[in-house]
Amino acid sequence: MRRRREQKHEVTGLIALVLFGVFAVCVLSVLLTGADVYHRLTVRDRDAYARRTGIQYVATKVRQAQAGSAVAVSDFGGVDALELYEDIDGERYVTRIYSYDGWLRELFTAVEGEFLPGDGEKVIEAGDMELTLDDGLLDIALTDGTGTETQLVLSLRGEEAAP
C-alpha cells in the first residue's frame, strides 16, 4: 500500500512539472512576441518621425514667413536654399533653410551678410533637399536621414514673391 502512494505522488509531481513547463513556454513566447511587436512599432515611429518632421518644419517656416515676407529659392554655397525675407526695424533680414553635410540647417542673417552653408544651425538629420518655385508654387523634395524622399507642394500667397 505504501508503494502505491509513492507512485501516486511521483505521477502527480511529474504532471505538475510538465504543466509548469508548458506554462513557462507560453509565457516566454508571449513575451518574445510582445518584444518583437514593440521593436517593429518603435522602428516604424522613428522612420515616420524622420520622414515627416523635416518637411513639416520647412512647411511651417514658409507659412509663418508668408505674413508680410518674401519667399525665394536660390543657390547657397552649391546647395538649394529656401530664403524667407523679412524687415525688422527698417533692416532687411533673410532666413535660409537648406540641407548641408547630412543636416537640414537654418541660418538667420542680415541680407548683406557673407556666410557659408556650414554656419547654419543644425535642425534635423537630412539628405538632399531640392526646391523649385514656379508661379507661386513651392515644390520641396526632402530626403531624410534614412534615404526616404518626401515631397510637398505649397501654394504661396499672391504678393509674396521675392524681390
N, C-alpha and C. Protein backbone atom coordinates (compact mmCIF):
# COMPACT_ATOMS: atom_id res chain seq x y z
N MET A 1 0.82 -1.18 0.00
CA MET A 1 0.00 0.00 0.00
C MET A 1 0.87 1.26 0.00
N ARG A 2 1.96 1.15 0.74
CA ARG A 2 2.86 2.29 0.81
C ARG A 2 3.50 2.58 -0.55
N ARG A 3 3.80 1.55 -1.24
CA ARG A 3 4.41 1.69 -2.54
C ARG A 3 3.46 2.38 -3.53
N ARG A 4 2.21 2.09 -3.44
CA ARG A 4 1.22 2.71 -4.31
C ARG A 4 1.12 4.21 -4.08
N ARG A 5 1.19 4.64 -2.84
CA ARG A 5 1.14 6.07 -2.51
C ARG A 5 2.34 6.81 -3.09
N GLU A 6 3.50 6.20 -2.99
CA GLU A 6 4.71 6.84 -3.54
C GLU A 6 4.62 6.99 -5.05
N GLN A 7 4.06 5.99 -5.73
CA GLN A 7 3.91 6.08 -7.17
C GLN A 7 2.90 7.17 -7.53
N LYS A 8 1.85 7.29 -6.74
CA LYS A 8 0.83 8.31 -7.00
C LYS A 8 1.42 9.71 -6.85
N HIS A 9 2.27 9.92 -5.83
CA HIS A 9 2.92 11.21 -5.62
C HIS A 9 3.91 11.53 -6.74
N GLU A 10 4.59 10.52 -7.22
CA GLU A 10 5.53 10.73 -8.32
C GLU A 10 4.80 11.16 -9.58
N VAL A 11 3.68 10.54 -9.90
CA VAL A 11 2.90 10.89 -11.09
C VAL A 11 2.32 12.29 -10.95
N THR A 12 1.82 12.62 -9.77
CA THR A 12 1.27 13.96 -9.53
C THR A 12 2.36 15.01 -9.65
N GLY A 13 3.52 14.75 -9.11
CA GLY A 13 4.64 15.69 -9.21
C GLY A 13 5.10 15.86 -10.65
N LEU A 14 5.11 14.77 -11.40
CA LEU A 14 5.50 14.83 -12.81
C LEU A 14 4.51 15.64 -13.63
N ILE A 15 3.23 15.46 -13.37
CA ILE A 15 2.20 16.23 -14.07
C ILE A 15 2.34 17.71 -13.74
N ALA A 16 2.57 18.04 -12.49
CA ALA A 16 2.75 19.44 -12.08
C ALA A 16 3.97 20.05 -12.76
N LEU A 17 5.05 19.29 -12.86
CA LEU A 17 6.26 19.77 -13.51
C LEU A 17 6.03 20.01 -15.00
N VAL A 18 5.32 19.10 -15.66
CA VAL A 18 5.01 19.25 -17.08
C VAL A 18 4.12 20.48 -17.30
N LEU A 19 3.09 20.66 -16.45
CA LEU A 19 2.22 21.84 -16.57
C LEU A 19 3.00 23.13 -16.34
N PHE A 20 3.91 23.14 -15.39
CA PHE A 20 4.74 24.32 -15.15
C PHE A 20 5.61 24.62 -16.38
N GLY A 21 6.16 23.59 -16.98
CA GLY A 21 6.98 23.77 -18.19
C GLY A 21 6.17 24.35 -19.34
N VAL A 22 4.96 23.83 -19.55
CA VAL A 22 4.08 24.35 -20.61
C VAL A 22 3.74 25.81 -20.33
N PHE A 23 3.42 26.11 -19.07
CA PHE A 23 3.12 27.50 -18.70
C PHE A 23 4.32 28.41 -18.96
N ALA A 24 5.51 27.97 -18.60
CA ALA A 24 6.72 28.78 -18.80
C ALA A 24 6.98 29.02 -20.29
N VAL A 25 6.80 28.01 -21.12
CA VAL A 25 6.98 28.15 -22.57
C VAL A 25 5.96 29.14 -23.13
N CYS A 26 4.72 29.07 -22.69
CA CYS A 26 3.68 30.00 -23.16
C CYS A 26 4.00 31.44 -22.76
N VAL A 27 4.41 31.64 -21.52
CA VAL A 27 4.77 32.98 -21.05
C VAL A 27 5.95 33.53 -21.85
N LEU A 28 6.95 32.71 -22.07
CA LEU A 28 8.12 33.14 -22.82
C LEU A 28 7.76 33.49 -24.26
N SER A 29 6.90 32.70 -24.90
CA SER A 29 6.51 33.00 -26.29
C SER A 29 5.70 34.30 -26.37
N VAL A 30 4.83 34.54 -25.39
CA VAL A 30 4.07 35.80 -25.38
C VAL A 30 5.02 36.99 -25.18
N LEU A 31 5.98 36.86 -24.28
CA LEU A 31 6.95 37.94 -24.07
C LEU A 31 7.78 38.22 -25.31
N LEU A 32 8.25 37.18 -25.97
CA LEU A 32 9.05 37.37 -27.18
C LEU A 32 8.23 38.00 -28.30
N THR A 33 6.99 37.58 -28.45
CA THR A 33 6.11 38.17 -29.46
C THR A 33 5.86 39.64 -29.15
N GLY A 34 5.60 39.96 -27.90
CA GLY A 34 5.39 41.35 -27.50
C GLY A 34 6.62 42.21 -27.72
N ALA A 35 7.79 41.69 -27.44
CA ALA A 35 9.03 42.44 -27.65
C ALA A 35 9.26 42.69 -29.13
N ASP A 36 8.95 41.72 -29.98
CA ASP A 36 9.11 41.90 -31.42
C ASP A 36 8.14 42.95 -31.95
N VAL A 37 6.89 42.90 -31.50
CA VAL A 37 5.90 43.90 -31.91
C VAL A 37 6.33 45.29 -31.46
N TYR A 38 6.79 45.40 -30.23
CA TYR A 38 7.24 46.70 -29.71
C TYR A 38 8.41 47.23 -30.54
N HIS A 39 9.36 46.38 -30.88
CA HIS A 39 10.51 46.79 -31.68
C HIS A 39 10.06 47.30 -33.05
N ARG A 40 9.16 46.56 -33.71
CA ARG A 40 8.68 46.99 -35.03
C ARG A 40 7.93 48.32 -34.95
N LEU A 41 7.15 48.52 -33.90
CA LEU A 41 6.42 49.79 -33.75
C LEU A 41 7.37 50.96 -33.52
N THR A 42 8.40 50.77 -32.71
CA THR A 42 9.34 51.87 -32.47
C THR A 42 10.13 52.20 -33.73
N VAL A 43 10.50 51.20 -34.51
CA VAL A 43 11.20 51.46 -35.78
C VAL A 43 10.28 52.21 -36.74
N ARG A 44 9.02 51.80 -36.83
CA ARG A 44 8.07 52.48 -37.70
C ARG A 44 7.86 53.93 -37.27
N ASP A 45 7.71 54.16 -35.97
CA ASP A 45 7.50 55.51 -35.47
C ASP A 45 8.73 56.39 -35.69
N ARG A 46 9.92 55.84 -35.50
CA ARG A 46 11.15 56.60 -35.72
C ARG A 46 11.29 56.98 -37.19
N ASP A 47 10.99 56.05 -38.09
CA ASP A 47 11.06 56.34 -39.52
C ASP A 47 10.02 57.39 -39.91
N ALA A 48 8.82 57.28 -39.38
CA ALA A 48 7.77 58.27 -39.68
C ALA A 48 8.16 59.64 -39.15
N TYR A 49 8.77 59.69 -37.98
CA TYR A 49 9.22 60.96 -37.42
C TYR A 49 10.26 61.60 -38.33
N ALA A 50 11.24 60.82 -38.75
CA ALA A 50 12.30 61.34 -39.62
C ALA A 50 11.73 61.80 -40.95
N ARG A 51 10.76 61.07 -41.48
CA ARG A 51 10.20 61.38 -42.78
C ARG A 51 9.34 62.64 -42.74
N ARG A 52 8.55 62.81 -41.70
CA ARG A 52 7.60 63.92 -41.65
C ARG A 52 8.15 65.19 -41.02
N THR A 53 9.02 65.08 -40.05
CA THR A 53 9.42 66.24 -39.27
C THR A 53 10.16 67.27 -40.11
N GLY A 54 11.10 66.85 -40.92
CA GLY A 54 11.86 67.79 -41.73
C GLY A 54 11.00 68.56 -42.70
N ILE A 55 10.14 67.86 -43.43
CA ILE A 55 9.29 68.52 -44.42
C ILE A 55 8.26 69.42 -43.74
N GLN A 56 7.75 68.99 -42.59
CA GLN A 56 6.79 69.83 -41.87
C GLN A 56 7.45 71.07 -41.27
N TYR A 57 8.72 70.93 -40.88
CA TYR A 57 9.46 72.08 -40.38
C TYR A 57 9.58 73.14 -41.46
N VAL A 58 9.95 72.73 -42.67
CA VAL A 58 10.09 73.67 -43.78
C VAL A 58 8.73 74.30 -44.10
N ALA A 59 7.68 73.49 -44.16
CA ALA A 59 6.35 74.00 -44.46
C ALA A 59 5.89 75.01 -43.42
N THR A 60 6.14 74.74 -42.16
CA THR A 60 5.74 75.66 -41.10
C THR A 60 6.49 76.98 -41.20
N LYS A 61 7.78 76.92 -41.49
CA LYS A 61 8.57 78.16 -41.65
C LYS A 61 8.04 79.00 -42.81
N VAL A 62 7.66 78.35 -43.92
CA VAL A 62 7.11 79.08 -45.06
C VAL A 62 5.78 79.70 -44.69
N ARG A 63 4.93 78.96 -44.01
CA ARG A 63 3.62 79.50 -43.62
C ARG A 63 3.77 80.67 -42.65
N GLN A 64 4.72 80.58 -41.72
CA GLN A 64 4.95 81.68 -40.78
C GLN A 64 5.50 82.90 -41.51
N ALA A 65 6.37 82.67 -42.46
CA ALA A 65 7.03 83.77 -43.14
C ALA A 65 6.11 84.49 -44.11
N GLN A 66 5.05 83.87 -44.54
CA GLN A 66 4.20 84.49 -45.54
C GLN A 66 3.41 85.68 -45.02
N ALA A 67 3.42 85.91 -43.73
CA ALA A 67 2.71 87.08 -43.19
C ALA A 67 3.58 88.31 -43.41
N GLY A 68 3.60 88.83 -44.63
CA GLY A 68 4.34 90.05 -44.93
C GLY A 68 5.78 89.83 -45.32
N SER A 69 6.17 88.63 -45.67
CA SER A 69 7.55 88.35 -46.06
C SER A 69 7.61 87.89 -47.50
N ALA A 70 8.82 87.82 -48.02
CA ALA A 70 9.02 87.33 -49.38
C ALA A 70 9.69 85.96 -49.31
N VAL A 71 9.35 85.10 -50.24
CA VAL A 71 9.90 83.75 -50.30
C VAL A 71 10.64 83.59 -51.62
N ALA A 72 11.84 83.03 -51.56
CA ALA A 72 12.63 82.81 -52.77
C ALA A 72 13.42 81.51 -52.64
N VAL A 73 13.88 81.02 -53.77
CA VAL A 73 14.77 79.86 -53.83
C VAL A 73 16.04 80.31 -54.51
N SER A 74 17.19 79.96 -53.91
CA SER A 74 18.46 80.37 -54.51
C SER A 74 19.53 79.31 -54.27
N ASP A 75 20.68 79.53 -54.88
CA ASP A 75 21.84 78.68 -54.66
C ASP A 75 22.64 79.30 -53.51
N PHE A 76 22.94 78.51 -52.49
CA PHE A 76 23.70 79.00 -51.34
C PHE A 76 24.87 78.06 -51.13
N GLY A 77 26.02 78.43 -51.61
CA GLY A 77 27.21 77.61 -51.47
C GLY A 77 27.11 76.27 -52.16
N GLY A 78 26.39 76.21 -53.27
CA GLY A 78 26.27 74.97 -54.04
C GLY A 78 25.08 74.11 -53.67
N VAL A 79 24.24 74.55 -52.74
CA VAL A 79 23.03 73.79 -52.38
C VAL A 79 21.81 74.67 -52.55
N ASP A 80 20.66 74.03 -52.81
CA ASP A 80 19.40 74.78 -52.88
C ASP A 80 19.07 75.33 -51.50
N ALA A 81 18.65 76.58 -51.47
CA ALA A 81 18.28 77.19 -50.19
C ALA A 81 16.94 77.91 -50.35
N LEU A 82 16.11 77.73 -49.37
CA LEU A 82 14.86 78.46 -49.28
C LEU A 82 15.15 79.73 -48.51
N GLU A 83 14.82 80.88 -49.11
CA GLU A 83 15.09 82.16 -48.47
C GLU A 83 13.78 82.82 -48.09
N LEU A 84 13.69 83.20 -46.82
CA LEU A 84 12.50 83.86 -46.28
C LEU A 84 12.92 85.24 -45.80
N TYR A 85 12.47 86.27 -46.49
CA TYR A 85 12.89 87.64 -46.19
C TYR A 85 11.89 88.31 -45.26
N GLU A 86 12.43 89.19 -44.41
CA GLU A 86 11.58 89.99 -43.53
C GLU A 86 12.29 91.28 -43.16
N ASP A 87 11.49 92.31 -42.87
CA ASP A 87 12.02 93.60 -42.44
C ASP A 87 11.80 93.73 -40.94
N ILE A 88 12.89 94.05 -40.22
CA ILE A 88 12.83 94.27 -38.79
C ILE A 88 13.47 95.61 -38.50
N ASP A 89 12.68 96.53 -37.96
CA ASP A 89 13.15 97.88 -37.64
C ASP A 89 13.87 98.53 -38.82
N GLY A 90 13.29 98.40 -40.00
CA GLY A 90 13.85 99.04 -41.18
C GLY A 90 15.03 98.33 -41.81
N GLU A 91 15.46 97.22 -41.27
CA GLU A 91 16.56 96.46 -41.86
C GLU A 91 16.03 95.16 -42.44
N ARG A 92 16.65 94.72 -43.53
CA ARG A 92 16.23 93.51 -44.24
C ARG A 92 17.04 92.31 -43.76
N TYR A 93 16.33 91.24 -43.39
CA TYR A 93 16.95 90.01 -42.92
C TYR A 93 16.45 88.83 -43.76
N VAL A 94 17.24 87.78 -43.77
CA VAL A 94 16.88 86.58 -44.52
C VAL A 94 17.12 85.35 -43.64
N THR A 95 16.17 84.45 -43.69
CA THR A 95 16.32 83.14 -43.07
C THR A 95 16.52 82.14 -44.20
N ARG A 96 17.65 81.46 -44.19
CA ARG A 96 17.92 80.45 -45.21
C ARG A 96 17.73 79.07 -44.60
N ILE A 97 17.00 78.23 -45.29
CA ILE A 97 16.79 76.84 -44.88
C ILE A 97 17.33 75.98 -46.01
N TYR A 98 18.23 75.08 -45.68
CA TYR A 98 18.91 74.29 -46.71
C TYR A 98 19.43 73.00 -46.09
N SER A 99 19.84 72.08 -46.95
CA SER A 99 20.41 70.82 -46.50
C SER A 99 21.90 70.84 -46.82
N TYR A 100 22.71 70.56 -45.78
CA TYR A 100 24.16 70.59 -45.96
C TYR A 100 24.82 69.63 -44.97
N ASP A 101 25.73 68.83 -45.46
CA ASP A 101 26.54 67.94 -44.63
C ASP A 101 25.68 66.99 -43.77
N GLY A 102 24.59 66.47 -44.37
CA GLY A 102 23.76 65.49 -43.67
C GLY A 102 22.75 66.09 -42.71
N TRP A 103 22.55 67.39 -42.75
CA TRP A 103 21.61 68.04 -41.82
C TRP A 103 20.77 69.07 -42.56
N LEU A 104 19.52 69.20 -42.14
CA LEU A 104 18.70 70.33 -42.55
C LEU A 104 19.13 71.47 -41.63
N ARG A 105 19.48 72.60 -42.23
CA ARG A 105 20.03 73.72 -41.44
C ARG A 105 19.22 74.99 -41.66
N GLU A 106 19.36 75.89 -40.68
CA GLU A 106 18.72 77.20 -40.76
C GLU A 106 19.75 78.26 -40.40
N LEU A 107 19.74 79.34 -41.19
CA LEU A 107 20.68 80.44 -40.95
C LEU A 107 19.91 81.75 -41.06
N PHE A 108 19.85 82.51 -39.98
CA PHE A 108 19.18 83.82 -39.95
C PHE A 108 20.25 84.90 -39.93
N THR A 109 20.27 85.76 -40.96
CA THR A 109 21.30 86.80 -41.07
C THR A 109 20.73 88.05 -41.71
N ALA A 110 21.53 89.10 -41.65
CA ALA A 110 21.22 90.29 -42.44
C ALA A 110 21.43 89.93 -43.91
N VAL A 111 20.70 90.59 -44.81
CA VAL A 111 20.79 90.26 -46.22
C VAL A 111 22.21 90.43 -46.74
N GLU A 112 22.92 91.44 -46.28
CA GLU A 112 24.27 91.70 -46.78
C GLU A 112 25.32 90.76 -46.21
N GLY A 113 25.01 89.97 -45.24
CA GLY A 113 25.99 89.12 -44.56
C GLY A 113 26.62 88.10 -45.49
N GLU A 114 27.90 87.84 -45.27
CA GLU A 114 28.64 86.82 -46.02
C GLU A 114 28.81 85.60 -45.13
N PHE A 115 28.11 84.55 -45.43
CA PHE A 115 28.16 83.34 -44.63
C PHE A 115 28.30 82.13 -45.53
N LEU A 116 28.73 81.02 -44.95
CA LEU A 116 28.89 79.76 -45.65
C LEU A 116 27.82 78.77 -45.18
N PRO A 117 27.52 77.75 -45.97
CA PRO A 117 26.50 76.77 -45.55
C PRO A 117 26.80 76.10 -44.21
N GLY A 118 28.06 75.90 -43.86
CA GLY A 118 28.40 75.28 -42.59
C GLY A 118 28.10 76.14 -41.38
N ASP A 119 27.77 77.42 -41.58
CA ASP A 119 27.49 78.34 -40.48
C ASP A 119 26.09 78.18 -39.90
N GLY A 120 25.19 77.51 -40.61
CA GLY A 120 23.81 77.37 -40.16
C GLY A 120 23.66 76.42 -38.98
N GLU A 121 22.57 76.62 -38.24
CA GLU A 121 22.24 75.76 -37.11
C GLU A 121 21.64 74.45 -37.61
N LYS A 122 22.08 73.34 -37.05
CA LYS A 122 21.55 72.03 -37.41
C LYS A 122 20.14 71.89 -36.82
N VAL A 123 19.21 71.45 -37.67
CA VAL A 123 17.83 71.29 -37.24
C VAL A 123 17.48 69.81 -37.08
N ILE A 124 17.64 69.05 -38.15
CA ILE A 124 17.32 67.62 -38.13
C ILE A 124 18.16 66.94 -39.21
N GLU A 125 18.49 65.67 -38.98
CA GLU A 125 19.26 64.93 -39.97
C GLU A 125 18.47 64.82 -41.27
N ALA A 126 19.16 65.10 -42.37
CA ALA A 126 18.51 65.04 -43.68
C ALA A 126 19.55 64.83 -44.76
N GLY A 127 19.11 64.27 -45.85
CA GLY A 127 19.98 64.11 -47.01
C GLY A 127 19.88 65.35 -47.87
N ASP A 128 19.43 65.18 -49.07
CA ASP A 128 19.35 66.26 -50.05
C ASP A 128 18.00 66.96 -49.97
N MET A 129 17.99 68.24 -50.34
CA MET A 129 16.74 68.99 -50.44
C MET A 129 16.73 69.70 -51.78
N GLU A 130 15.71 69.45 -52.58
CA GLU A 130 15.56 70.12 -53.87
C GLU A 130 14.35 71.04 -53.79
N LEU A 131 14.54 72.26 -54.27
CA LEU A 131 13.49 73.27 -54.21
C LEU A 131 13.26 73.87 -55.59
N THR A 132 12.00 74.07 -55.93
CA THR A 132 11.66 74.83 -57.13
C THR A 132 10.49 75.74 -56.79
N LEU A 133 10.55 76.94 -57.34
CA LEU A 133 9.49 77.93 -57.14
C LEU A 133 9.03 78.39 -58.51
N ASP A 134 7.78 78.10 -58.84
CA ASP A 134 7.26 78.42 -60.16
C ASP A 134 5.81 78.84 -60.06
N ASP A 135 5.50 80.04 -60.50
CA ASP A 135 4.13 80.57 -60.49
C ASP A 135 3.44 80.45 -59.14
N GLY A 136 4.14 80.78 -58.08
CA GLY A 136 3.56 80.76 -56.75
C GLY A 136 3.47 79.39 -56.11
N LEU A 137 4.01 78.36 -56.75
CA LEU A 137 4.02 77.02 -56.19
C LEU A 137 5.45 76.66 -55.78
N LEU A 138 5.61 76.37 -54.51
CA LEU A 138 6.91 75.97 -53.98
C LEU A 138 6.92 74.46 -53.85
N ASP A 139 7.80 73.81 -54.62
CA ASP A 139 7.93 72.35 -54.60
C ASP A 139 9.16 71.99 -53.77
N ILE A 140 8.94 71.23 -52.69
CA ILE A 140 10.01 70.83 -51.78
C ILE A 140 10.14 69.31 -51.83
N ALA A 141 11.34 68.82 -52.12
CA ALA A 141 11.63 67.39 -52.09
C ALA A 141 12.78 67.20 -51.11
N LEU A 142 12.49 66.58 -49.97
CA LEU A 142 13.48 66.41 -48.91
C LEU A 142 13.74 64.93 -48.67
N THR A 143 15.02 64.56 -48.72
CA THR A 143 15.42 63.19 -48.40
C THR A 143 15.83 63.16 -46.94
N ASP A 144 15.21 62.26 -46.17
CA ASP A 144 15.51 62.21 -44.74
C ASP A 144 16.79 61.41 -44.48
N GLY A 145 17.12 61.24 -43.21
CA GLY A 145 18.34 60.55 -42.83
C GLY A 145 18.37 59.08 -43.21
N THR A 146 17.18 58.47 -43.45
CA THR A 146 17.13 57.06 -43.84
C THR A 146 17.13 56.88 -45.35
N GLY A 147 17.11 57.99 -46.10
CA GLY A 147 17.14 57.92 -47.56
C GLY A 147 15.77 57.97 -48.21
N THR A 148 14.72 58.17 -47.45
CA THR A 148 13.37 58.25 -47.99
C THR A 148 13.07 59.69 -48.40
N GLU A 149 12.60 59.86 -49.63
CA GLU A 149 12.28 61.20 -50.12
C GLU A 149 10.81 61.51 -49.89
N THR A 150 10.55 62.70 -49.36
CA THR A 150 9.19 63.18 -49.15
C THR A 150 9.04 64.47 -49.94
N GLN A 151 7.94 64.58 -50.64
CA GLN A 151 7.72 65.77 -51.48
C GLN A 151 6.47 66.50 -51.01
N LEU A 152 6.55 67.82 -51.06
CA LEU A 152 5.43 68.67 -50.65
C LEU A 152 5.37 69.86 -51.58
N VAL A 153 4.17 70.24 -51.99
CA VAL A 153 3.98 71.41 -52.83
C VAL A 153 3.11 72.40 -52.05
N LEU A 154 3.63 73.62 -51.89
CA LEU A 154 2.92 74.67 -51.17
C LEU A 154 2.54 75.77 -52.14
N SER A 155 1.35 76.28 -52.00
CA SER A 155 0.92 77.43 -52.79
C SER A 155 1.15 78.69 -51.98
N LEU A 156 1.98 79.59 -52.53
CA LEU A 156 2.29 80.83 -51.82
C LEU A 156 1.21 81.86 -52.09
N ARG A 157 1.04 82.76 -51.18
CA ARG A 157 0.06 83.84 -51.35
C ARG A 157 0.52 84.79 -52.43
N GLY A 158 -0.43 85.43 -53.09
CA GLY A 158 -0.20 86.28 -54.27
C GLY A 158 1.01 87.18 -54.26
N GLU A 159 1.12 88.13 -53.34
CA GLU A 159 2.18 89.12 -53.40
C GLU A 159 3.43 88.74 -52.61
N GLU A 160 3.65 87.46 -52.43
CA GLU A 160 4.77 87.02 -51.58
C GLU A 160 6.03 86.73 -52.37
N ALA A 161 6.07 87.01 -53.65
CA ALA A 161 7.27 86.69 -54.43
C ALA A 161 8.44 87.55 -53.98
N ALA A 162 9.59 86.96 -53.96
CA ALA A 162 10.80 87.65 -53.50
C ALA A 162 11.25 88.67 -54.53
N PRO A 163 11.96 89.71 -54.06
CA PRO A 163 12.45 90.74 -54.99
C PRO A 163 13.56 90.21 -55.88
